[in-house]
Amino acid sequence: MNAVFNAGCTIIAGMLLAGCATTREPSANAMSRAPASQASQEIDTAYVQRVEREARRDDVDVQWVHPPTKAASSSSDSD
């Protein structure tokens, strides 16, 4: 009886450990490996300033959860 119990506990422990090994990655690791298309984005500061200026005028507090983005300007454009 003890042999069956021990075998059952071993199988269950193995299944639990295998399940933990296949869980999703934490979001911090996923963010560090963002696709190149997302890496070339920057915050659209002109739009953010315009919205926040209008919000202040109407006495509204704006909290950006996902700030608007635009394609990043390449460094060769400033030459």
C-alpha atoms as a PDB file:
ATOM      1  CA  MET A   1       0.000   0.000   0.000  1.00  0.00           C
ATOM      2  CA  ASN A   2       2.838   2.406   0.820  1.00  0.00           C
ATOM      3  CA  ALA A   3       4.471   1.681  -2.548  1.00  0.00           C
ATOM      4  CA  VAL A   4       1.281   2.665  -4.408  1.00  0.00           C
ATOM      5  CA  PHE A   5       0.905   5.810  -2.290  1.00  0.00           C
ATOM      6  CA  ASN A   6       4.524   6.835  -2.870  1.00  0.00           C
ATOM      7  CA  ALA A   7       4.237   6.181  -6.605  1.00  0.00           C
ATOM      8  CA  GLY A   8       1.047   8.256  -6.753  1.00  0.00           C
ATOM      9  CA  CYS A   9       2.635  11.144  -4.876  1.00  0.00           C
ATOM     10  CA  THR A  10       5.672  11.031  -7.149  1.00  0.00           C
ATOM     11  CA  ILE A  11       3.517  11.120 -10.275  1.00  0.00           C
ATOM     12  CA  ILE A  12       1.408  14.008  -8.971  1.00  0.00           C
ATOM     13  CA  ALA A  13       4.512  15.977  -7.934  1.00  0.00           C
ATOM     14  CA  GLY A  14       6.025  15.418 -11.370  1.00  0.00           C
ATOM     15  CA  MET A  15       2.860  16.639 -13.083  1.00  0.00           C
ATOM     16  CA  LEU A  16       2.748  19.761 -10.907  1.00  0.00           C
ATOM     17  CA  LEU A  17       6.383  20.590 -11.601  1.00  0.00           C
ATOM     18  CA  ALA A  18       5.886  20.064 -15.335  1.00  0.00           C
ATOM     19  CA  GLY A  19       2.862  22.369 -15.231  1.00  0.00           C
ATOM     20  CA  CYS A  20       4.834  25.105 -13.477  1.00  0.00           C
ATOM     21  CA  ALA A  21       7.596  24.855 -16.055  1.00  0.00           C
ATOM     22  CA  THR A  22       5.184  25.643 -18.883  1.00  0.00           C
ATOM     23  CA  THR A  23       3.477  28.727 -17.450  1.00  0.00           C
ATOM     24  CA  ARG A  24       3.610  32.035 -19.290  1.00  0.00           C
ATOM     25  CA  GLU A  25       6.567  34.373 -18.907  1.00  0.00           C
ATOM     26  CA  PRO A  26       6.261  37.409 -16.634  1.00  0.00           C
ATOM     27  CA  SER A  27       5.299  40.567 -18.470  1.00  0.00           C
ATOM     28  CA  ALA A  28       8.622  42.237 -17.605  1.00  0.00           C
ATOM     29  CA  ASN A  29      10.507  39.654 -19.657  1.00  0.00           C
ATOM     30  CA  ALA A  30       8.005  39.882 -22.482  1.00  0.00           C
ATOM     31  CA  MET A  31       8.366  43.668 -22.606  1.00  0.00           C
ATOM     32  CA  SER A  32      12.146  43.478 -22.867  1.00  0.00           C
ATOM     33  CA  ARG A  33      11.782  41.434 -26.033  1.00  0.00           C
ATOM     34  CA  ALA A  34       9.359  43.731 -27.840  1.00  0.00           C
ATOM     35  CA  PRO A  35       9.178  43.336 -31.617  1.00  0.00           C
ATOM     36  CA  ALA A  36      11.232  45.740 -33.701  1.00  0.00           C
ATOM     37  CA  SER A  37       8.068  47.494 -34.876  1.00  0.00           C
ATOM     38  CA  GLN A  38       7.206  48.427 -31.283  1.00  0.00           C
ATOM     39  CA  ALA A  39      10.793  49.307 -30.430  1.00  0.00           C
ATOM     40  CA  SER A  40      10.781  51.961 -33.176  1.00  0.00           C
ATOM     41  CA  GLN A  41       7.833  53.790 -31.590  1.00  0.00           C
ATOM     42  CA  GLU A  42       8.060  56.904 -29.464  1.00  0.00           C
ATOM     43  CA  ILE A  43       5.468  58.857 -27.481  1.00  0.00           C
ATOM     44  CA  ASP A  44       3.612  61.430 -29.578  1.00  0.00           C
ATOM     45  CA  THR A  45       4.457  64.359 -27.303  1.00  0.00           C
ATOM     46  CA  ALA A  46       2.672  66.953 -29.438  1.00  0.00           C
ATOM     47  CA  TYR A  47      -0.605  65.055 -29.140  1.00  0.00           C
ATOM     48  CA  VAL A  48      -0.091  64.424 -25.413  1.00  0.00           C
ATOM     49  CA  GLN A  49       0.568  68.130 -24.794  1.00  0.00           C
ATOM     50  CA  ARG A  50      -2.487  69.136 -26.825  1.00  0.00           C
ATOM     51  CA  VAL A  51      -4.782  66.756 -24.910  1.00  0.00           C
ATOM     52  CA  GLU A  52      -3.370  67.759 -21.534  1.00  0.00           C
ATOM     53  CA  ARG A  53      -3.723  71.476 -22.372  1.00  0.00           C
ATOM     54  CA  GLU A  54      -7.402  70.941 -23.239  1.00  0.00           C
ATOM     55  CA  ALA A  55      -7.881  68.851 -20.098  1.00  0.00           C
ATOM     56  CA  ARG A  56      -6.416  71.585 -17.869  1.00  0.00           C
ATOM     57  CA  ARG A  57      -8.701  74.101 -19.534  1.00  0.00           C
ATOM     58  CA  ASP A  58     -11.707  71.919 -18.646  1.00  0.00           C
ATOM     59  CA  ASP A  59     -10.300  71.093 -15.174  1.00  0.00           C
ATOM     60  CA  VAL A  60      -9.902  67.397 -16.017  1.00  0.00           C
ATOM     61  CA  ASP A  61      -7.073  65.168 -14.777  1.00  0.00           C
ATOM     62  CA  VAL A  62      -5.568  62.962 -17.510  1.00  0.00           C
ATOM     63  CA  GLN A  63      -3.665  59.796 -16.633  1.00  0.00           C
ATOM     64  CA  TRP A  64      -2.138  58.045 -19.629  1.00  0.00           C
ATOM     65  CA  VAL A  65      -2.309  54.272 -19.333  1.00  0.00           C
ATOM     66  CA  HIS A  66      -0.991  53.680 -22.847  1.00  0.00           C
ATOM     67  CA  PRO A  67       0.340  56.978 -24.197  1.00  0.00           C
ATOM     68  CA  PRO A  68      -0.170  57.531 -27.915  1.00  0.00           C
ATOM     69  CA  THR A  69       2.829  56.592 -30.028  1.00  0.00           C
ATOM     70  CA  LYS A  70       4.196  57.471 -33.414  1.00  0.00           C
ATOM     71  CA  ALA A  71       7.009  56.109 -35.533  1.00  0.00           C
ATOM     72  CA  ALA A  72      10.384  57.128 -34.141  1.00  0.00           C
ATOM     73  CA  SER A  73      12.299  59.592 -36.268  1.00  0.00           C
ATOM     74  CA  SER A  74      15.571  58.190 -37.517  1.00  0.00           C
ATOM     75  CA  SER A  75      18.809  59.843 -36.458  1.00  0.00           C
ATOM     76  CA  SER A  76      19.751  60.501 -40.106  1.00  0.00           C
ATOM     77  CA  ASP A  77      16.828  62.945 -40.451  1.00  0.00           C
ATOM     78  CA  SER A  78      18.525  65.475 -38.146  1.00  0.00           C
ATOM     79  CA  ASP A  79      21.630  65.789 -40.365  1.00  0.00           C
END
